[in-house]
């Protein structure tokens, strides 16, 4: 039993002894129990929401510009991800798609890859599987320009 739950129980017992009628005491206990239940539900909900893999940073940046040549691709998430079941797909200017290999030395919250890119408009379509089993997806469009 946590300290806060113990305090709530102590308050309920003390209040029971000070209330004149049993009906008021029962209402008080139900009210306190309802509050504790609501707090527990809120805590559980916030824990489950934070488990999804949310993209927090990337190279390339959304709608960013990169020079032609070998481009390092990094997608950083807010939680650890299952890299073997996640995916990066490169969509080229001609709309052809290539699944990119994910580097085996990527950090636990990243998908890293690389590709040789010519000038044009590209999209990286990412799919990340969080360790809790939730899949999130998204697109990062970017442009590759000729080297100056």
N, C-alpha and C. Protein backbone atom coordinates (compact mmCIF):
# COMPACT_ATOMS: atom_id res chain seq x y z
N UNK A 1 0.86 -1.17 0.00
CA UNK A 1 0.00 0.00 0.00
C UNK A 1 0.91 1.23 0.00
N UNK A 2 0.65 2.17 -0.88
CA UNK A 2 1.49 3.36 -0.96
C UNK A 2 1.17 4.31 0.19
N UNK A 3 2.07 5.24 0.41
CA UNK A 3 1.90 6.21 1.49
C UNK A 3 0.63 7.02 1.30
N UNK A 4 0.34 7.48 0.06
CA UNK A 4 -0.86 8.27 -0.19
C UNK A 4 -2.13 7.46 0.05
N UNK A 5 -2.13 6.21 -0.38
CA UNK A 5 -3.31 5.37 -0.16
C UNK A 5 -3.50 5.12 1.34
N UNK A 6 -2.41 4.94 2.07
CA UNK A 6 -2.49 4.75 3.51
C UNK A 6 -3.06 6.00 4.17
N UNK A 7 -2.62 7.19 3.74
CA UNK A 7 -3.16 8.43 4.29
C UNK A 7 -4.65 8.56 4.00
N UNK A 8 -5.05 8.20 2.78
CA UNK A 8 -6.47 8.27 2.43
C UNK A 8 -7.29 7.34 3.32
N UNK A 9 -6.77 6.14 3.55
CA UNK A 9 -7.46 5.18 4.40
C UNK A 9 -7.55 5.70 5.83
N UNK A 10 -6.49 6.29 6.33
CA UNK A 10 -6.48 6.86 7.68
C UNK A 10 -7.50 7.98 7.80
N UNK A 11 -7.58 8.84 6.77
CA UNK A 11 -8.56 9.93 6.77
C UNK A 11 -9.97 9.36 6.78
N UNK A 12 -10.20 8.31 5.99
CA UNK A 12 -11.54 7.69 5.94
C UNK A 12 -11.92 7.14 7.30
N UNK A 13 -11.00 6.43 7.99
CA UNK A 13 -11.30 5.85 9.29
C UNK A 13 -11.56 6.93 10.33
N UNK A 14 -10.73 7.97 10.31
CA UNK A 14 -10.91 9.07 11.26
C UNK A 14 -12.24 9.76 11.01
N UNK A 15 -12.61 9.93 9.75
CA UNK A 15 -13.86 10.59 9.42
C UNK A 15 -15.04 9.72 9.82
N UNK A 16 -14.89 8.40 9.66
CA UNK A 16 -15.97 7.49 10.06
C UNK A 16 -16.29 7.65 11.54
N UNK A 17 -15.25 7.73 12.35
CA UNK A 17 -15.49 7.83 13.78
C UNK A 17 -16.09 9.18 14.18
N UNK A 18 -15.84 10.21 13.39
CA UNK A 18 -16.34 11.53 13.75
C UNK A 18 -17.72 11.82 13.16
N UNK A 19 -18.17 11.06 12.17
CA UNK A 19 -19.49 11.29 11.58
C UNK A 19 -20.59 10.69 12.46
N UNK A 20 -21.68 11.38 12.52
CA UNK A 20 -22.76 10.95 13.39
C UNK A 20 -23.54 9.79 12.79
N UNK A 21 -23.77 9.81 11.49
CA UNK A 21 -24.62 8.75 10.93
C UNK A 21 -23.81 7.83 10.02
N UNK A 22 -24.22 6.58 9.96
CA UNK A 22 -23.55 5.60 9.11
C UNK A 22 -23.74 5.92 7.63
N UNK A 23 -24.87 6.52 7.29
CA UNK A 23 -25.15 6.86 5.90
C UNK A 23 -24.17 7.91 5.38
N UNK A 24 -23.89 8.92 6.16
CA UNK A 24 -22.92 9.94 5.77
C UNK A 24 -21.52 9.34 5.63
N UNK A 25 -21.19 8.42 6.51
CA UNK A 25 -19.88 7.76 6.45
C UNK A 25 -19.74 6.95 5.18
N UNK A 26 -20.77 6.24 4.81
CA UNK A 26 -20.75 5.43 3.61
C UNK A 26 -20.60 6.32 2.37
N UNK A 27 -21.31 7.43 2.34
CA UNK A 27 -21.18 8.37 1.22
C UNK A 27 -19.76 8.93 1.13
N UNK A 28 -19.18 9.23 2.27
CA UNK A 28 -17.83 9.77 2.30
C UNK A 28 -16.83 8.76 1.74
N UNK A 29 -16.97 7.49 2.15
CA UNK A 29 -16.06 6.45 1.66
C UNK A 29 -16.22 6.27 0.15
N UNK A 30 -17.45 6.24 -0.34
CA UNK A 30 -17.68 6.11 -1.78
C UNK A 30 -17.06 7.27 -2.55
N UNK A 31 -17.18 8.47 -2.02
CA UNK A 31 -16.61 9.65 -2.67
C UNK A 31 -15.09 9.53 -2.75
N UNK A 32 -14.46 9.17 -1.62
CA UNK A 32 -13.00 9.04 -1.59
C UNK A 32 -12.53 7.92 -2.52
N UNK A 33 -13.25 6.80 -2.51
CA UNK A 33 -12.89 5.69 -3.38
C UNK A 33 -13.01 6.10 -4.85
N UNK A 34 -14.04 6.85 -5.19
CA UNK A 34 -14.21 7.34 -6.55
C UNK A 34 -13.05 8.23 -6.98
N UNK A 35 -12.61 9.09 -6.09
CA UNK A 35 -11.48 9.97 -6.40
C UNK A 35 -10.22 9.15 -6.63
N UNK A 36 -9.96 8.18 -5.76
CA UNK A 36 -8.77 7.33 -5.92
C UNK A 36 -8.84 6.53 -7.22
N UNK A 37 -10.01 6.04 -7.57
CA UNK A 37 -10.18 5.30 -8.81
C UNK A 37 -9.91 6.19 -10.02
N UNK A 38 -10.40 7.41 -9.98
CA UNK A 38 -10.18 8.37 -11.07
C UNK A 38 -8.69 8.67 -11.22
N UNK A 39 -7.99 8.90 -10.13
CA UNK A 39 -6.55 9.19 -10.19
C UNK A 39 -5.79 8.01 -10.76
N UNK A 40 -6.14 6.80 -10.35
CA UNK A 40 -5.48 5.60 -10.86
C UNK A 40 -5.72 5.43 -12.36
N UNK A 41 -6.94 5.70 -12.81
CA UNK A 41 -7.26 5.60 -14.23
C UNK A 41 -6.47 6.62 -15.05
N UNK A 42 -6.35 7.83 -14.55
CA UNK A 42 -5.57 8.87 -15.24
C UNK A 42 -4.11 8.47 -15.33
N UNK A 43 -3.55 7.94 -14.26
CA UNK A 43 -2.15 7.52 -14.26
C UNK A 43 -1.93 6.40 -15.27
N UNK A 44 -2.82 5.42 -15.31
CA UNK A 44 -2.70 4.31 -16.24
C UNK A 44 -2.81 4.79 -17.68
N UNK A 45 -3.74 5.70 -17.95
CA UNK A 45 -3.92 6.23 -19.30
C UNK A 45 -2.68 6.97 -19.76
N UNK A 46 -2.10 7.80 -18.91
CA UNK A 46 -0.92 8.55 -19.33
C UNK A 46 0.27 7.63 -19.57
N UNK A 47 0.38 6.51 -18.85
CA UNK A 47 1.46 5.57 -19.08
C UNK A 47 1.30 4.88 -20.43
N UNK A 48 0.08 4.50 -20.78
CA UNK A 48 -0.12 3.79 -22.04
C UNK A 48 0.02 4.70 -23.24
N UNK A 49 -0.33 5.96 -23.12
CA UNK A 49 -0.18 6.89 -24.23
C UNK A 49 1.29 7.15 -24.52
N UNK A 50 2.12 7.24 -23.49
CA UNK A 50 3.52 7.54 -23.71
C UNK A 50 4.29 6.37 -24.30
N UNK A 51 3.67 5.21 -24.41
CA UNK A 51 4.35 4.04 -24.92
C UNK A 51 4.47 4.04 -26.45
N UNK A 52 3.68 4.79 -27.15
CA UNK A 52 3.76 4.83 -28.60
C UNK A 52 5.06 5.48 -29.04
N UNK A 53 5.65 4.95 -30.12
CA UNK A 53 6.88 5.52 -30.66
C UNK A 53 6.53 6.76 -31.48
N UNK A 54 6.87 7.92 -30.96
CA UNK A 54 6.59 9.19 -31.63
C UNK A 54 7.89 9.74 -32.17
N UNK A 55 7.90 10.12 -33.44
CA UNK A 55 9.10 10.69 -34.06
C UNK A 55 9.37 12.06 -33.44
N UNK A 56 10.56 12.22 -32.83
CA UNK A 56 10.90 13.48 -32.19
C UNK A 56 11.97 14.27 -32.96
N UNK A 57 12.73 13.58 -33.81
CA UNK A 57 13.75 14.27 -34.60
C UNK A 57 14.12 13.39 -35.79
N UNK A 58 14.56 14.03 -36.86
CA UNK A 58 14.96 13.25 -38.03
C UNK A 58 15.97 14.01 -38.87
N UNK A 59 16.77 13.24 -39.57
CA UNK A 59 17.62 13.75 -40.64
C UNK A 59 17.32 12.87 -41.82
N UNK A 60 16.68 13.42 -42.82
CA UNK A 60 16.39 14.83 -43.09
C UNK A 60 15.22 15.35 -42.25
N UNK A 61 15.17 16.65 -42.12
CA UNK A 61 14.04 17.31 -41.46
C UNK A 61 12.84 17.30 -42.41
N UNK A 62 11.63 17.29 -41.87
CA UNK A 62 10.45 17.37 -42.75
C UNK A 62 10.52 18.64 -43.62
N UNK A 63 10.34 18.46 -44.91
CA UNK A 63 10.40 19.53 -45.91
C UNK A 63 11.77 20.19 -45.97
N UNK A 64 12.80 19.48 -45.50
CA UNK A 64 14.16 20.01 -45.52
C UNK A 64 14.85 19.78 -46.86
N UNK A 65 16.08 20.27 -46.96
CA UNK A 65 16.88 20.17 -48.17
C UNK A 65 18.24 19.58 -47.82
N UNK A 66 18.70 18.64 -48.66
CA UNK A 66 19.99 18.00 -48.47
C UNK A 66 20.77 18.02 -49.78
N UNK A 67 22.11 18.01 -49.72
CA UNK A 67 22.90 17.94 -50.96
C UNK A 67 22.91 16.51 -51.52
N UNK A 68 23.03 16.39 -52.83
CA UNK A 68 23.06 15.08 -53.49
C UNK A 68 24.28 14.30 -53.05
N UNK A 69 24.21 12.99 -53.18
CA UNK A 69 25.30 12.11 -52.79
C UNK A 69 24.83 11.14 -51.72
N UNK A 70 25.79 10.65 -50.93
CA UNK A 70 25.41 9.74 -49.85
C UNK A 70 24.74 10.54 -48.73
N UNK A 71 23.55 10.14 -48.37
CA UNK A 71 22.78 10.83 -47.34
C UNK A 71 22.58 9.88 -46.16
N UNK A 72 22.98 10.32 -44.97
CA UNK A 72 22.73 9.55 -43.75
C UNK A 72 21.33 9.88 -43.27
N UNK A 73 20.56 8.86 -42.99
CA UNK A 73 19.17 9.01 -42.54
C UNK A 73 19.06 8.57 -41.10
N UNK A 74 18.52 9.42 -40.25
CA UNK A 74 18.35 9.11 -38.83
C UNK A 74 16.96 9.52 -38.39
N UNK A 75 16.25 8.59 -37.77
CA UNK A 75 14.91 8.86 -37.26
C UNK A 75 14.90 8.50 -35.78
N UNK A 76 14.73 9.53 -34.93
CA UNK A 76 14.80 9.37 -33.48
C UNK A 76 13.39 9.42 -32.89
N UNK A 77 13.10 8.47 -31.98
CA UNK A 77 11.78 8.34 -31.37
C UNK A 77 11.84 8.58 -29.86
N UNK A 78 10.70 8.79 -29.26
CA UNK A 78 10.62 9.08 -27.83
C UNK A 78 10.72 7.84 -26.96
N UNK A 79 10.75 6.65 -27.56
CA UNK A 79 10.82 5.41 -26.78
C UNK A 79 11.64 4.38 -27.55
N UNK A 80 11.99 3.32 -26.86
CA UNK A 80 12.72 2.23 -27.51
C UNK A 80 11.81 1.57 -28.54
N UNK A 81 12.42 1.12 -29.63
CA UNK A 81 11.64 0.50 -30.69
C UNK A 81 12.23 -0.85 -31.07
N UNK A 82 11.39 -1.68 -31.65
CA UNK A 82 11.83 -2.97 -32.17
C UNK A 82 12.35 -2.73 -33.59
N UNK A 83 13.66 -2.62 -33.73
CA UNK A 83 14.25 -2.26 -35.01
C UNK A 83 14.07 -3.34 -36.07
N UNK A 84 14.02 -4.59 -35.65
CA UNK A 84 13.89 -5.67 -36.63
C UNK A 84 12.49 -5.72 -37.26
N UNK A 85 11.51 -5.11 -36.60
CA UNK A 85 10.15 -5.11 -37.15
C UNK A 85 9.69 -3.72 -37.57
N UNK A 86 10.61 -2.77 -37.54
CA UNK A 86 10.31 -1.42 -38.01
C UNK A 86 10.84 -1.28 -39.43
N UNK A 87 10.44 -0.21 -40.13
CA UNK A 87 10.80 -0.11 -41.54
C UNK A 87 10.97 1.34 -41.98
N UNK A 88 11.94 1.54 -42.88
CA UNK A 88 12.11 2.81 -43.59
C UNK A 88 11.99 2.51 -45.07
N UNK A 89 11.10 3.23 -45.74
CA UNK A 89 10.91 3.05 -47.18
C UNK A 89 11.20 4.37 -47.88
N UNK A 90 12.10 4.34 -48.86
CA UNK A 90 12.44 5.53 -49.64
C UNK A 90 11.54 5.58 -50.86
N UNK A 91 10.82 6.69 -51.01
CA UNK A 91 9.99 6.91 -52.20
C UNK A 91 10.71 7.93 -53.05
N UNK A 92 11.14 7.50 -54.22
CA UNK A 92 11.97 8.32 -55.12
C UNK A 92 11.10 9.28 -55.95
N UNK A 93 11.75 10.23 -56.65
CA UNK A 93 10.99 11.18 -57.48
C UNK A 93 10.09 10.51 -58.52
N UNK A 94 10.49 9.32 -59.02
CA UNK A 94 9.66 8.61 -60.00
C UNK A 94 8.59 7.74 -59.34
N UNK A 95 8.43 7.89 -58.01
CA UNK A 95 7.45 7.18 -57.18
C UNK A 95 7.77 5.70 -56.97
N UNK A 96 8.98 5.27 -57.35
CA UNK A 96 9.39 3.90 -57.03
C UNK A 96 9.74 3.85 -55.55
N UNK A 97 9.58 2.68 -54.95
CA UNK A 97 9.82 2.52 -53.52
C UNK A 97 10.93 1.51 -53.27
N UNK A 98 11.78 1.83 -52.30
CA UNK A 98 12.86 0.95 -51.90
C UNK A 98 12.87 0.85 -50.38
N UNK A 99 12.82 -0.38 -49.87
CA UNK A 99 12.93 -0.57 -48.42
C UNK A 99 14.41 -0.46 -48.07
N UNK A 100 14.72 0.44 -47.15
CA UNK A 100 16.11 0.68 -46.76
C UNK A 100 16.51 -0.23 -45.59
N UNK A 101 17.75 -0.74 -45.63
CA UNK A 101 18.21 -1.54 -44.50
C UNK A 101 18.46 -0.64 -43.28
N UNK A 102 18.09 -1.13 -42.11
CA UNK A 102 18.31 -0.37 -40.88
C UNK A 102 19.64 -0.81 -40.29
N UNK A 103 20.47 0.17 -39.96
CA UNK A 103 21.80 -0.11 -39.42
C UNK A 103 21.69 -0.90 -38.11
N UNK A 104 22.52 -1.93 -38.00
CA UNK A 104 22.47 -2.78 -36.81
C UNK A 104 23.03 -2.07 -35.57
N UNK A 105 23.81 -1.01 -35.78
CA UNK A 105 24.38 -0.29 -34.64
C UNK A 105 23.55 0.95 -34.25
N UNK A 106 22.31 1.00 -34.69
CA UNK A 106 21.43 2.12 -34.32
C UNK A 106 21.16 2.10 -32.82
N UNK A 107 20.95 3.28 -32.25
CA UNK A 107 20.54 3.36 -30.84
C UNK A 107 19.18 2.71 -30.68
N UNK A 108 18.82 2.37 -29.45
CA UNK A 108 17.57 1.65 -29.20
C UNK A 108 16.33 2.45 -29.54
N UNK A 109 16.45 3.79 -29.60
CA UNK A 109 15.29 4.63 -29.94
C UNK A 109 15.44 5.27 -31.31
N UNK A 110 16.27 4.69 -32.19
CA UNK A 110 16.50 5.26 -33.52
C UNK A 110 16.42 4.21 -34.61
N UNK A 111 16.09 4.70 -35.80
CA UNK A 111 16.22 3.94 -37.04
C UNK A 111 17.22 4.71 -37.88
N UNK A 112 18.35 4.09 -38.21
CA UNK A 112 19.40 4.73 -39.00
C UNK A 112 19.60 3.96 -40.28
N UNK A 113 19.84 4.70 -41.37
CA UNK A 113 20.12 4.08 -42.65
C UNK A 113 20.88 5.09 -43.50
N UNK A 114 21.07 4.78 -44.75
CA UNK A 114 21.74 5.70 -45.67
C UNK A 114 21.37 5.33 -47.09
N UNK A 115 21.57 6.29 -48.01
CA UNK A 115 21.25 6.05 -49.41
C UNK A 115 21.99 7.05 -50.28
N UNK A 116 22.29 6.62 -51.51
CA UNK A 116 22.85 7.52 -52.52
C UNK A 116 21.67 8.17 -53.24
N UNK A 117 21.61 9.51 -53.18
CA UNK A 117 20.45 10.21 -53.74
C UNK A 117 20.87 11.26 -54.75
N UNK A 118 20.15 11.28 -55.87
CA UNK A 118 20.32 12.30 -56.90
C UNK A 118 19.33 13.43 -56.61
N UNK A 119 19.52 14.59 -57.23
CA UNK A 119 18.57 15.69 -56.99
C UNK A 119 17.13 15.28 -57.32
N UNK A 120 16.19 15.77 -56.50
CA UNK A 120 14.78 15.48 -56.70
C UNK A 120 14.01 15.55 -55.39
N UNK A 121 12.71 15.29 -55.49
CA UNK A 121 11.82 15.31 -54.32
C UNK A 121 11.62 13.87 -53.84
N UNK A 122 11.87 13.65 -52.57
CA UNK A 122 11.81 12.32 -51.96
C UNK A 122 10.87 12.32 -50.76
N UNK A 123 10.50 11.11 -50.36
CA UNK A 123 9.73 10.91 -49.12
C UNK A 123 10.30 9.67 -48.44
N UNK A 124 10.51 9.77 -47.13
CA UNK A 124 10.81 8.58 -46.34
C UNK A 124 9.51 8.22 -45.61
N UNK A 125 9.04 7.04 -45.86
CA UNK A 125 7.86 6.52 -45.15
C UNK A 125 8.40 5.61 -44.04
N UNK A 126 8.13 5.99 -42.80
CA UNK A 126 8.64 5.21 -41.68
C UNK A 126 7.52 4.50 -40.96
N UNK A 127 7.88 3.36 -40.40
CA UNK A 127 6.96 2.58 -39.57
C UNK A 127 7.78 2.10 -38.39
N UNK A 128 7.37 2.48 -37.19
CA UNK A 128 8.11 2.12 -35.98
C UNK A 128 7.22 1.29 -35.06
N UNK A 129 7.78 0.18 -34.60
CA UNK A 129 7.07 -0.68 -33.65
C UNK A 129 7.68 -0.45 -32.27
N UNK A 130 6.89 0.12 -31.36
CA UNK A 130 7.35 0.31 -29.99
C UNK A 130 7.42 -1.05 -29.30
N UNK A 131 8.22 -1.14 -28.26
CA UNK A 131 8.39 -2.41 -27.57
C UNK A 131 7.10 -2.91 -26.92
N UNK A 132 6.12 -2.01 -26.73
CA UNK A 132 4.83 -2.44 -26.17
C UNK A 132 3.90 -3.02 -27.22
N UNK A 133 4.33 -3.01 -28.50
CA UNK A 133 3.53 -3.61 -29.56
C UNK A 133 2.74 -2.63 -30.41
N UNK A 134 2.76 -1.34 -30.09
CA UNK A 134 2.04 -0.34 -30.88
C UNK A 134 2.87 0.10 -32.08
N UNK A 135 2.24 0.18 -33.24
CA UNK A 135 2.90 0.62 -34.47
C UNK A 135 2.48 2.06 -34.75
N UNK A 136 3.45 2.90 -35.09
CA UNK A 136 3.16 4.25 -35.56
C UNK A 136 3.81 4.41 -36.93
N UNK A 137 3.21 5.27 -37.75
CA UNK A 137 3.69 5.48 -39.12
C UNK A 137 3.69 6.96 -39.45
N UNK A 138 4.49 7.30 -40.43
CA UNK A 138 4.50 8.68 -40.88
C UNK A 138 5.37 8.84 -42.12
N UNK A 139 5.31 10.03 -42.70
CA UNK A 139 6.08 10.38 -43.89
C UNK A 139 6.92 11.61 -43.60
N UNK A 140 8.15 11.62 -44.14
CA UNK A 140 9.01 12.79 -44.05
C UNK A 140 9.41 13.17 -45.49
N UNK A 141 8.76 14.19 -46.04
CA UNK A 141 9.16 14.64 -47.38
C UNK A 141 10.39 15.54 -47.30
N UNK A 142 11.26 15.44 -48.31
CA UNK A 142 12.44 16.30 -48.35
C UNK A 142 12.91 16.41 -49.78
N UNK A 143 13.81 17.34 -50.01
CA UNK A 143 14.33 17.61 -51.36
C UNK A 143 15.85 17.45 -51.35
N UNK A 144 16.35 16.83 -52.40
CA UNK A 144 17.80 16.72 -52.59
C UNK A 144 18.17 17.65 -53.73
N UNK A 145 19.18 18.50 -53.47
CA UNK A 145 19.61 19.47 -54.49
C UNK A 145 21.03 19.11 -54.95
N UNK A 146 21.36 19.58 -56.15
CA UNK A 146 22.70 19.33 -56.70
C UNK A 146 23.74 20.00 -55.82
N UNK A 147 24.91 19.37 -55.73
CA UNK A 147 26.01 19.97 -54.95
C UNK A 147 26.47 21.23 -55.65
N UNK A 148 26.75 22.26 -54.86
CA UNK A 148 27.19 23.54 -55.47
C UNK A 148 28.57 23.44 -56.09
